[in-house]
Amino acid sequence: MFRPALLLLLSVLATPALALPAPMSEQELTDKSDLIATVRVLSVSCTVVTKDDKTGEDLPVYLARLRLLEVKKGDAKKGDEILVTWRAVPKGIVGPWTVNYYPGEVVETHLVKKTGGVSYGSTWWNAKGEDIKAPDNTELPTNAGETFDAPKEPADQHPL
């Protein structure tokens, strides 16, 4: 006969919310993505800070401006700039539930159009590949209205 404490332990361990869902395969990412591209992150802004319903933690919402360096899938073209949005997750969450983009980073990523088609979001938690060029740092803005820009490179310079 099971003891109540053992049953409680088993039920906690079996809770699906504690498990990180499996990563999508490359084929799944490809099939479910509207845009697959190598990008350079030009800037990241904190657009607003909201309280998490469950933890009460202040969580920033981000907007990144990305330049497309190469497009593998999608209706955008090389040189276009797109917007990607995401929200930070509470610190106690198990697993990499959110995909962060950092100013200056060059990376291949898989994206889906958000409602309205103005911005994109990551297809899944493993939607971003390994850095092609790592960012100088991985700090993100934490105050609404704050923006971190990528270091300027020759390709970023536009004639007046």
N, C-alpha and C. Protein backbone atom coordinates (compact mmCIF):
# COMPACT_ATOMS: atom_id res chain seq x y z
N MET A 1 0.85 -1.19 0.00
CA MET A 1 0.00 0.00 0.00
C MET A 1 0.89 1.25 0.00
N PHE A 2 0.52 2.22 -0.84
CA PHE A 2 1.28 3.47 -0.94
C PHE A 2 0.98 4.37 0.23
N ARG A 3 1.97 5.06 0.66
CA ARG A 3 1.79 6.07 1.70
C ARG A 3 1.35 7.36 1.04
N PRO A 4 0.59 8.19 1.74
CA PRO A 4 0.14 9.46 1.16
C PRO A 4 1.30 10.35 0.69
N ALA A 5 2.39 10.39 1.42
CA ALA A 5 3.53 11.23 1.04
C ALA A 5 4.13 10.76 -0.29
N LEU A 6 4.19 9.43 -0.48
CA LEU A 6 4.72 8.90 -1.72
C LEU A 6 3.81 9.24 -2.89
N LEU A 7 2.50 9.15 -2.68
CA LEU A 7 1.55 9.52 -3.73
C LEU A 7 1.68 11.00 -4.09
N LEU A 8 1.85 11.83 -3.09
CA LEU A 8 2.01 13.25 -3.34
C LEU A 8 3.28 13.51 -4.15
N LEU A 9 4.37 12.85 -3.78
CA LEU A 9 5.64 13.00 -4.48
C LEU A 9 5.50 12.55 -5.93
N LEU A 10 4.87 11.43 -6.16
CA LEU A 10 4.68 10.93 -7.52
C LEU A 10 3.82 11.88 -8.36
N SER A 11 2.79 12.44 -7.74
CA SER A 11 1.93 13.35 -8.50
C SER A 11 2.67 14.64 -8.85
N VAL A 12 3.53 15.12 -7.98
CA VAL A 12 4.31 16.32 -8.26
C VAL A 12 5.31 16.03 -9.38
N LEU A 13 5.99 14.89 -9.31
CA LEU A 13 6.97 14.55 -10.32
C LEU A 13 6.34 14.29 -11.68
N ALA A 14 5.10 13.88 -11.69
CA ALA A 14 4.41 13.56 -12.95
C ALA A 14 3.74 14.78 -13.57
N THR A 15 3.80 15.94 -12.92
CA THR A 15 3.15 17.13 -13.43
C THR A 15 3.79 17.57 -14.74
N PRO A 16 3.03 17.65 -15.81
CA PRO A 16 3.60 18.01 -17.10
C PRO A 16 4.18 19.42 -17.14
N ALA A 17 3.70 20.33 -16.31
CA ALA A 17 4.19 21.71 -16.33
C ALA A 17 5.66 21.79 -15.94
N LEU A 18 6.17 20.79 -15.26
CA LEU A 18 7.55 20.82 -14.84
C LEU A 18 8.50 20.34 -15.93
N ALA A 19 7.96 19.70 -16.94
CA ALA A 19 8.82 19.14 -17.98
C ALA A 19 8.91 20.11 -19.16
N LEU A 20 10.10 20.22 -19.71
CA LEU A 20 10.31 21.04 -20.90
C LEU A 20 9.88 20.21 -22.11
N PRO A 21 9.03 20.76 -22.99
CA PRO A 21 8.62 19.98 -24.15
C PRO A 21 9.83 19.69 -25.04
N ALA A 22 9.71 18.66 -25.79
CA ALA A 22 10.80 18.25 -26.67
C ALA A 22 11.10 19.34 -27.70
N PRO A 23 12.36 19.45 -28.10
CA PRO A 23 12.67 20.41 -29.16
C PRO A 23 12.03 19.95 -30.46
N MET A 24 11.74 20.89 -31.34
CA MET A 24 11.25 20.53 -32.66
C MET A 24 12.43 20.06 -33.49
N SER A 25 12.16 19.12 -34.37
CA SER A 25 13.19 18.68 -35.31
C SER A 25 13.41 19.79 -36.33
N GLU A 26 14.50 19.70 -37.06
CA GLU A 26 14.78 20.69 -38.11
C GLU A 26 13.63 20.72 -39.12
N GLN A 27 13.07 19.55 -39.45
CA GLN A 27 11.96 19.49 -40.40
C GLN A 27 10.71 20.16 -39.84
N GLU A 28 10.40 19.91 -38.56
CA GLU A 28 9.25 20.57 -37.93
C GLU A 28 9.43 22.09 -37.90
N LEU A 29 10.63 22.53 -37.52
CA LEU A 29 10.90 23.97 -37.51
C LEU A 29 10.70 24.56 -38.90
N THR A 30 11.21 23.88 -39.91
CA THR A 30 11.08 24.35 -41.28
C THR A 30 9.61 24.42 -41.70
N ASP A 31 8.87 23.36 -41.42
CA ASP A 31 7.45 23.30 -41.81
C ASP A 31 6.61 24.37 -41.11
N LYS A 32 6.90 24.65 -39.85
CA LYS A 32 6.06 25.55 -39.05
C LYS A 32 6.50 27.01 -39.10
N SER A 33 7.63 27.29 -39.72
CA SER A 33 8.15 28.66 -39.76
C SER A 33 7.67 29.40 -41.01
N ASP A 34 7.36 30.69 -40.82
CA ASP A 34 7.04 31.56 -41.94
C ASP A 34 8.30 32.15 -42.55
N LEU A 35 9.35 32.28 -41.72
CA LEU A 35 10.60 32.88 -42.16
C LEU A 35 11.77 32.14 -41.51
N ILE A 36 12.72 31.74 -42.33
CA ILE A 36 13.97 31.15 -41.84
C ILE A 36 15.08 31.99 -42.44
N ALA A 37 15.89 32.59 -41.57
CA ALA A 37 16.89 33.53 -42.09
C ALA A 37 18.09 33.61 -41.16
N THR A 38 19.21 34.01 -41.75
CA THR A 38 20.36 34.43 -40.98
C THR A 38 20.18 35.92 -40.77
N VAL A 39 20.28 36.36 -39.52
CA VAL A 39 19.97 37.74 -39.17
C VAL A 39 21.09 38.37 -38.37
N ARG A 40 21.15 39.68 -38.40
CA ARG A 40 21.99 40.46 -37.48
C ARG A 40 21.05 41.28 -36.64
N VAL A 41 21.18 41.18 -35.33
CA VAL A 41 20.33 41.92 -34.41
C VAL A 41 20.87 43.34 -34.30
N LEU A 42 20.07 44.31 -34.76
CA LEU A 42 20.49 45.71 -34.79
C LEU A 42 20.21 46.42 -33.47
N SER A 43 19.08 46.07 -32.83
CA SER A 43 18.74 46.69 -31.55
C SER A 43 17.70 45.85 -30.84
N VAL A 44 17.66 46.02 -29.52
CA VAL A 44 16.63 45.39 -28.69
C VAL A 44 16.08 46.46 -27.75
N SER A 45 14.76 46.60 -27.74
CA SER A 45 14.10 47.57 -26.87
C SER A 45 13.19 46.86 -25.88
N CYS A 46 13.11 47.40 -24.69
CA CYS A 46 12.11 46.97 -23.72
C CYS A 46 10.91 47.88 -23.94
N THR A 47 9.81 47.31 -24.40
CA THR A 47 8.65 48.13 -24.75
C THR A 47 7.74 48.39 -23.56
N VAL A 48 7.66 47.44 -22.65
CA VAL A 48 6.80 47.56 -21.47
C VAL A 48 7.26 46.53 -20.45
N VAL A 49 6.92 46.76 -19.19
CA VAL A 49 7.19 45.79 -18.14
C VAL A 49 5.84 45.46 -17.50
N THR A 50 5.50 44.16 -17.48
CA THR A 50 4.21 43.73 -16.92
C THR A 50 4.44 42.75 -15.78
N LYS A 51 3.47 42.68 -14.88
CA LYS A 51 3.55 41.72 -13.77
C LYS A 51 3.03 40.37 -14.24
N ASP A 52 3.77 39.32 -13.89
CA ASP A 52 3.33 37.96 -14.20
C ASP A 52 2.14 37.62 -13.31
N ASP A 53 1.09 37.03 -13.89
CA ASP A 53 -0.12 36.70 -13.16
C ASP A 53 0.13 35.75 -12.00
N LYS A 54 1.04 34.79 -12.18
CA LYS A 54 1.26 33.76 -11.16
C LYS A 54 2.31 34.15 -10.13
N THR A 55 3.40 34.76 -10.57
CA THR A 55 4.51 35.04 -9.65
C THR A 55 4.54 36.48 -9.15
N GLY A 56 3.88 37.38 -9.85
CA GLY A 56 3.93 38.79 -9.49
C GLY A 56 5.24 39.45 -9.91
N GLU A 57 6.11 38.69 -10.56
CA GLU A 57 7.41 39.20 -10.99
C GLU A 57 7.24 40.18 -12.16
N ASP A 58 8.02 41.25 -12.13
CA ASP A 58 8.03 42.20 -13.24
C ASP A 58 8.78 41.58 -14.42
N LEU A 59 8.12 41.48 -15.57
CA LEU A 59 8.71 40.84 -16.75
C LEU A 59 8.72 41.79 -17.94
N PRO A 60 9.91 42.05 -18.49
CA PRO A 60 9.99 42.92 -19.66
C PRO A 60 9.42 42.24 -20.91
N VAL A 61 8.90 43.07 -21.79
CA VAL A 61 8.48 42.65 -23.13
C VAL A 61 9.45 43.32 -24.10
N TYR A 62 9.97 42.54 -25.05
CA TYR A 62 11.03 43.02 -25.92
C TYR A 62 10.60 43.14 -27.37
N LEU A 63 11.26 44.07 -28.07
CA LEU A 63 11.10 44.25 -29.50
C LEU A 63 12.51 44.38 -30.07
N ALA A 64 12.88 43.44 -30.96
CA ALA A 64 14.19 43.47 -31.58
C ALA A 64 14.04 43.84 -33.05
N ARG A 65 14.99 44.62 -33.53
CA ARG A 65 15.06 44.97 -34.95
C ARG A 65 16.18 44.14 -35.55
N LEU A 66 15.84 43.32 -36.56
CA LEU A 66 16.79 42.40 -37.18
C LEU A 66 16.94 42.71 -38.67
N ARG A 67 18.18 42.65 -39.16
CA ARG A 67 18.43 42.77 -40.60
C ARG A 67 18.63 41.37 -41.15
N LEU A 68 17.96 41.08 -42.26
CA LEU A 68 18.08 39.77 -42.89
C LEU A 68 19.35 39.74 -43.74
N LEU A 69 20.26 38.82 -43.41
CA LEU A 69 21.50 38.67 -44.15
C LEU A 69 21.38 37.60 -45.23
N GLU A 70 20.54 36.61 -44.97
CA GLU A 70 20.27 35.52 -45.92
C GLU A 70 18.90 34.96 -45.59
N VAL A 71 18.09 34.70 -46.60
CA VAL A 71 16.74 34.17 -46.40
C VAL A 71 16.66 32.78 -47.01
N LYS A 72 16.27 31.79 -46.19
CA LYS A 72 16.11 30.42 -46.67
C LYS A 72 14.66 30.08 -46.95
N LYS A 73 13.73 30.75 -46.23
CA LYS A 73 12.30 30.52 -46.44
C LYS A 73 11.57 31.80 -46.04
N GLY A 74 10.57 32.15 -46.83
CA GLY A 74 9.75 33.30 -46.49
C GLY A 74 9.69 34.32 -47.61
N ASP A 75 8.79 35.30 -47.43
CA ASP A 75 8.59 36.29 -48.49
C ASP A 75 9.43 37.55 -48.30
N ALA A 76 10.24 37.60 -47.27
CA ALA A 76 11.15 38.74 -47.07
C ALA A 76 12.41 38.50 -47.91
N LYS A 77 13.21 39.57 -48.07
CA LYS A 77 14.42 39.41 -48.87
C LYS A 77 15.64 39.94 -48.12
N LYS A 78 16.79 39.53 -48.59
CA LYS A 78 18.06 39.96 -48.01
C LYS A 78 18.09 41.48 -47.92
N GLY A 79 18.52 42.00 -46.78
CA GLY A 79 18.60 43.44 -46.56
C GLY A 79 17.38 44.02 -45.86
N ASP A 80 16.24 43.30 -45.88
CA ASP A 80 15.04 43.77 -45.18
C ASP A 80 15.31 43.81 -43.68
N GLU A 81 14.59 44.69 -43.00
CA GLU A 81 14.61 44.73 -41.55
C GLU A 81 13.24 44.29 -41.05
N ILE A 82 13.24 43.44 -40.04
CA ILE A 82 12.00 42.93 -39.47
C ILE A 82 12.01 43.17 -37.96
N LEU A 83 10.83 43.03 -37.36
CA LEU A 83 10.69 43.16 -35.91
C LEU A 83 10.33 41.80 -35.32
N VAL A 84 10.97 41.48 -34.19
CA VAL A 84 10.68 40.24 -33.46
C VAL A 84 10.33 40.63 -32.03
N THR A 85 9.26 40.05 -31.51
CA THR A 85 8.84 40.34 -30.14
C THR A 85 8.86 39.08 -29.29
N TRP A 86 9.10 39.28 -27.99
CA TRP A 86 9.01 38.19 -27.01
C TRP A 86 8.89 38.78 -25.63
N ARG A 87 8.49 37.95 -24.69
CA ARG A 87 8.34 38.35 -23.29
C ARG A 87 9.25 37.49 -22.44
N ALA A 88 9.91 38.10 -21.48
CA ALA A 88 10.73 37.35 -20.54
C ALA A 88 9.84 36.39 -19.76
N VAL A 89 10.42 35.35 -19.21
CA VAL A 89 9.68 34.39 -18.40
C VAL A 89 10.16 34.50 -16.96
N PRO A 90 9.32 34.09 -15.99
CA PRO A 90 9.74 34.16 -14.59
C PRO A 90 11.03 33.37 -14.35
N LYS A 91 11.82 33.85 -13.41
CA LYS A 91 13.12 33.23 -13.13
C LYS A 91 13.03 31.78 -12.68
N GLY A 92 11.95 31.37 -12.03
CA GLY A 92 11.81 30.01 -11.53
C GLY A 92 11.36 28.99 -12.55
N ILE A 93 11.08 29.39 -13.77
CA ILE A 93 10.61 28.48 -14.81
C ILE A 93 11.73 27.53 -15.22
N VAL A 94 11.38 26.27 -15.37
CA VAL A 94 12.35 25.26 -15.79
C VAL A 94 12.47 25.29 -17.31
N GLY A 95 13.70 25.40 -17.79
CA GLY A 95 13.93 25.30 -19.23
C GLY A 95 14.00 26.62 -19.94
N PRO A 96 14.47 26.59 -21.17
CA PRO A 96 14.61 27.81 -21.99
C PRO A 96 13.34 28.12 -22.77
N TRP A 97 12.30 28.55 -22.09
CA TRP A 97 11.00 28.76 -22.72
C TRP A 97 10.96 29.93 -23.67
N THR A 98 11.89 30.83 -23.54
CA THR A 98 11.87 32.01 -24.40
C THR A 98 13.18 32.08 -25.18
N VAL A 99 13.12 32.70 -26.33
CA VAL A 99 14.31 32.87 -27.17
C VAL A 99 14.69 34.34 -27.12
N ASN A 100 15.88 34.63 -26.62
CA ASN A 100 16.37 36.01 -26.54
C ASN A 100 17.25 36.31 -27.74
N TYR A 101 17.18 37.55 -28.20
CA TYR A 101 18.04 38.06 -29.24
C TYR A 101 18.86 39.19 -28.63
N TYR A 102 20.15 39.26 -28.98
CA TYR A 102 21.06 40.23 -28.36
C TYR A 102 21.68 41.14 -29.42
N PRO A 103 21.78 42.43 -29.12
CA PRO A 103 22.36 43.38 -30.08
C PRO A 103 23.75 42.94 -30.57
N GLY A 104 23.92 42.96 -31.89
CA GLY A 104 25.19 42.59 -32.51
C GLY A 104 25.31 41.12 -32.87
N GLU A 105 24.43 40.31 -32.37
CA GLU A 105 24.46 38.87 -32.63
C GLU A 105 24.11 38.59 -34.10
N VAL A 106 24.79 37.62 -34.70
CA VAL A 106 24.45 37.12 -36.02
C VAL A 106 24.12 35.64 -35.83
N VAL A 107 22.92 35.23 -36.27
CA VAL A 107 22.44 33.89 -35.99
C VAL A 107 21.38 33.49 -37.02
N GLU A 108 21.24 32.19 -37.25
CA GLU A 108 20.12 31.70 -38.06
C GLU A 108 18.95 31.45 -37.12
N THR A 109 17.77 31.84 -37.55
CA THR A 109 16.60 31.68 -36.70
C THR A 109 15.37 31.30 -37.52
N HIS A 110 14.41 30.70 -36.84
CA HIS A 110 13.12 30.29 -37.42
C HIS A 110 12.04 31.13 -36.76
N LEU A 111 11.22 31.79 -37.58
CA LEU A 111 10.23 32.72 -37.05
C LEU A 111 8.84 32.48 -37.64
N VAL A 112 7.83 32.88 -36.86
CA VAL A 112 6.44 32.84 -37.31
C VAL A 112 5.88 34.25 -37.23
N LYS A 113 4.99 34.58 -38.17
CA LYS A 113 4.34 35.89 -38.15
C LYS A 113 3.35 35.94 -36.99
N LYS A 114 3.37 37.05 -36.30
CA LYS A 114 2.40 37.27 -35.23
C LYS A 114 1.09 37.76 -35.85
N THR A 115 0.04 37.71 -35.08
CA THR A 115 -1.27 38.17 -35.55
C THR A 115 -1.15 39.59 -36.10
N GLY A 116 -1.68 39.80 -37.27
CA GLY A 116 -1.59 41.10 -37.91
C GLY A 116 -0.42 41.20 -38.87
N GLY A 117 0.57 40.31 -38.75
CA GLY A 117 1.67 40.25 -39.68
C GLY A 117 2.69 41.38 -39.59
N VAL A 118 2.67 42.18 -38.52
CA VAL A 118 3.60 43.30 -38.38
C VAL A 118 4.93 42.84 -37.80
N SER A 119 4.89 41.87 -36.90
CA SER A 119 6.12 41.39 -36.27
C SER A 119 6.14 39.87 -36.28
N TYR A 120 7.28 39.34 -35.86
CA TYR A 120 7.49 37.90 -35.80
C TYR A 120 7.78 37.49 -34.36
N GLY A 121 7.66 36.18 -34.14
CA GLY A 121 8.08 35.56 -32.89
C GLY A 121 8.81 34.28 -33.23
N SER A 122 9.55 33.75 -32.28
CA SER A 122 10.27 32.50 -32.51
C SER A 122 9.29 31.35 -32.67
N THR A 123 9.63 30.43 -33.57
CA THR A 123 8.76 29.30 -33.85
C THR A 123 8.63 28.37 -32.64
N TRP A 124 9.72 28.16 -31.91
CA TRP A 124 9.73 27.25 -30.77
C TRP A 124 10.93 27.60 -29.91
N TRP A 125 11.09 26.99 -28.76
CA TRP A 125 12.20 27.36 -27.87
C TRP A 125 13.57 27.02 -28.44
N ASN A 126 13.64 26.14 -29.43
CA ASN A 126 14.92 25.82 -30.06
C ASN A 126 15.01 26.40 -31.48
N ALA A 127 14.28 27.50 -31.72
CA ALA A 127 14.21 28.09 -33.05
C ALA A 127 15.47 28.83 -33.48
N LYS A 128 16.31 29.18 -32.53
CA LYS A 128 17.51 29.95 -32.84
C LYS A 128 18.72 29.03 -32.79
N GLY A 129 19.54 29.08 -33.84
CA GLY A 129 20.72 28.24 -33.91
C GLY A 129 21.87 28.80 -33.09
N GLU A 130 23.02 28.16 -33.25
CA GLU A 130 24.24 28.63 -32.60
C GLU A 130 24.66 29.95 -33.23
N ASP A 131 25.27 30.81 -32.42
CA ASP A 131 25.74 32.10 -32.93
C ASP A 131 26.74 31.92 -34.06
N ILE A 132 26.55 32.66 -35.13
CA ILE A 132 27.55 32.78 -36.18
C ILE A 132 28.56 33.83 -35.74
N LYS A 133 28.02 34.90 -35.15
CA LYS A 133 28.84 35.92 -34.50
C LYS A 133 28.19 36.21 -33.16
N ALA A 134 28.90 35.94 -32.08
CA ALA A 134 28.36 36.16 -30.74
C ALA A 134 28.25 37.65 -30.45
N PRO A 135 27.27 38.04 -29.64
CA PRO A 135 27.17 39.45 -29.26
C PRO A 135 28.29 39.83 -28.29
N ASP A 136 28.56 41.12 -28.19
CA ASP A 136 29.57 41.58 -27.23
C ASP A 136 29.15 41.28 -25.80
N ASN A 137 27.85 41.34 -25.53
CA ASN A 137 27.33 40.95 -24.21
C ASN A 137 25.89 40.48 -24.35
N THR A 138 25.38 39.87 -23.32
CA THR A 138 24.03 39.31 -23.36
C THR A 138 23.09 40.03 -22.39
N GLU A 139 23.37 41.29 -22.17
CA GLU A 139 22.47 42.09 -21.34
C GLU A 139 21.32 42.58 -22.21
N LEU A 140 20.15 42.66 -21.60
CA LEU A 140 18.98 43.19 -22.28
C LEU A 140 18.44 44.36 -21.47
N PRO A 141 17.79 45.32 -22.11
CA PRO A 141 17.21 46.44 -21.37
C PRO A 141 16.13 45.94 -20.42
N THR A 142 15.96 46.60 -19.30
CA THR A 142 14.97 46.17 -18.31
C THR A 142 13.92 47.23 -18.00
N ASN A 143 14.11 48.44 -18.51
CA ASN A 143 13.16 49.52 -18.26
C ASN A 143 12.41 49.87 -19.53
N ALA A 144 11.10 50.09 -19.40
CA ALA A 144 10.28 50.44 -20.56
C ALA A 144 10.86 51.67 -21.26
N GLY A 145 10.98 51.58 -22.59
CA GLY A 145 11.50 52.68 -23.39
C GLY A 145 13.01 52.64 -23.58
N GLU A 146 13.69 51.72 -22.90
CA GLU A 146 15.14 51.60 -23.01
C GLU A 146 15.50 50.73 -24.21
N THR A 147 16.54 51.14 -24.97
CA THR A 147 16.98 50.40 -26.15
C THR A 147 18.48 50.19 -26.09
N PHE A 148 18.92 48.98 -26.42
CA PHE A 148 20.34 48.67 -26.57
C PHE A 148 20.59 48.46 -28.05
N ASP A 149 21.53 49.23 -28.61
CA ASP A 149 21.88 49.12 -30.02
C ASP A 149 23.11 48.25 -30.21
N ALA A 150 23.19 47.60 -31.36
CA ALA A 150 24.38 46.83 -31.73
C ALA A 150 25.50 47.80 -32.05
N PRO A 151 26.75 47.37 -31.82
CA PRO A 151 27.88 48.20 -32.27
C PRO A 151 27.76 48.40 -33.79
N LYS A 152 28.10 49.58 -34.26
CA LYS A 152 28.00 49.87 -35.69
C LYS A 152 29.05 49.08 -36.47
N GLU A 153 28.64 48.61 -37.63
CA GLU A 153 29.53 47.92 -38.57
C GLU A 153 29.41 48.64 -39.90
N PRO A 154 30.39 48.48 -40.81
CA PRO A 154 30.32 49.17 -42.10
C PRO A 154 28.99 48.98 -42.84
N ALA A 155 28.40 47.80 -42.76
CA ALA A 155 27.12 47.54 -43.46
C ALA A 155 25.97 48.33 -42.85
N ASP A 156 26.14 48.83 -41.61
CA ASP A 156 25.09 49.59 -40.95
C ASP A 156 25.12 51.05 -41.34
N GLN A 157 26.21 51.52 -41.93
CA GLN A 157 26.37 52.92 -42.29
C GLN A 157 25.59 53.22 -43.58
N HIS A 158 24.74 54.19 -43.52
CA HIS A 158 23.97 54.58 -44.70
C HIS A 158 24.38 56.00 -45.10
N PRO A 159 24.62 56.24 -46.38
CA PRO A 159 24.98 57.60 -46.81
C PRO A 159 23.83 58.55 -46.58
N LEU A 160 24.17 59.79 -46.29
CA LEU A 160 23.13 60.81 -46.03
C LEU A 160 22.48 61.28 -47.29
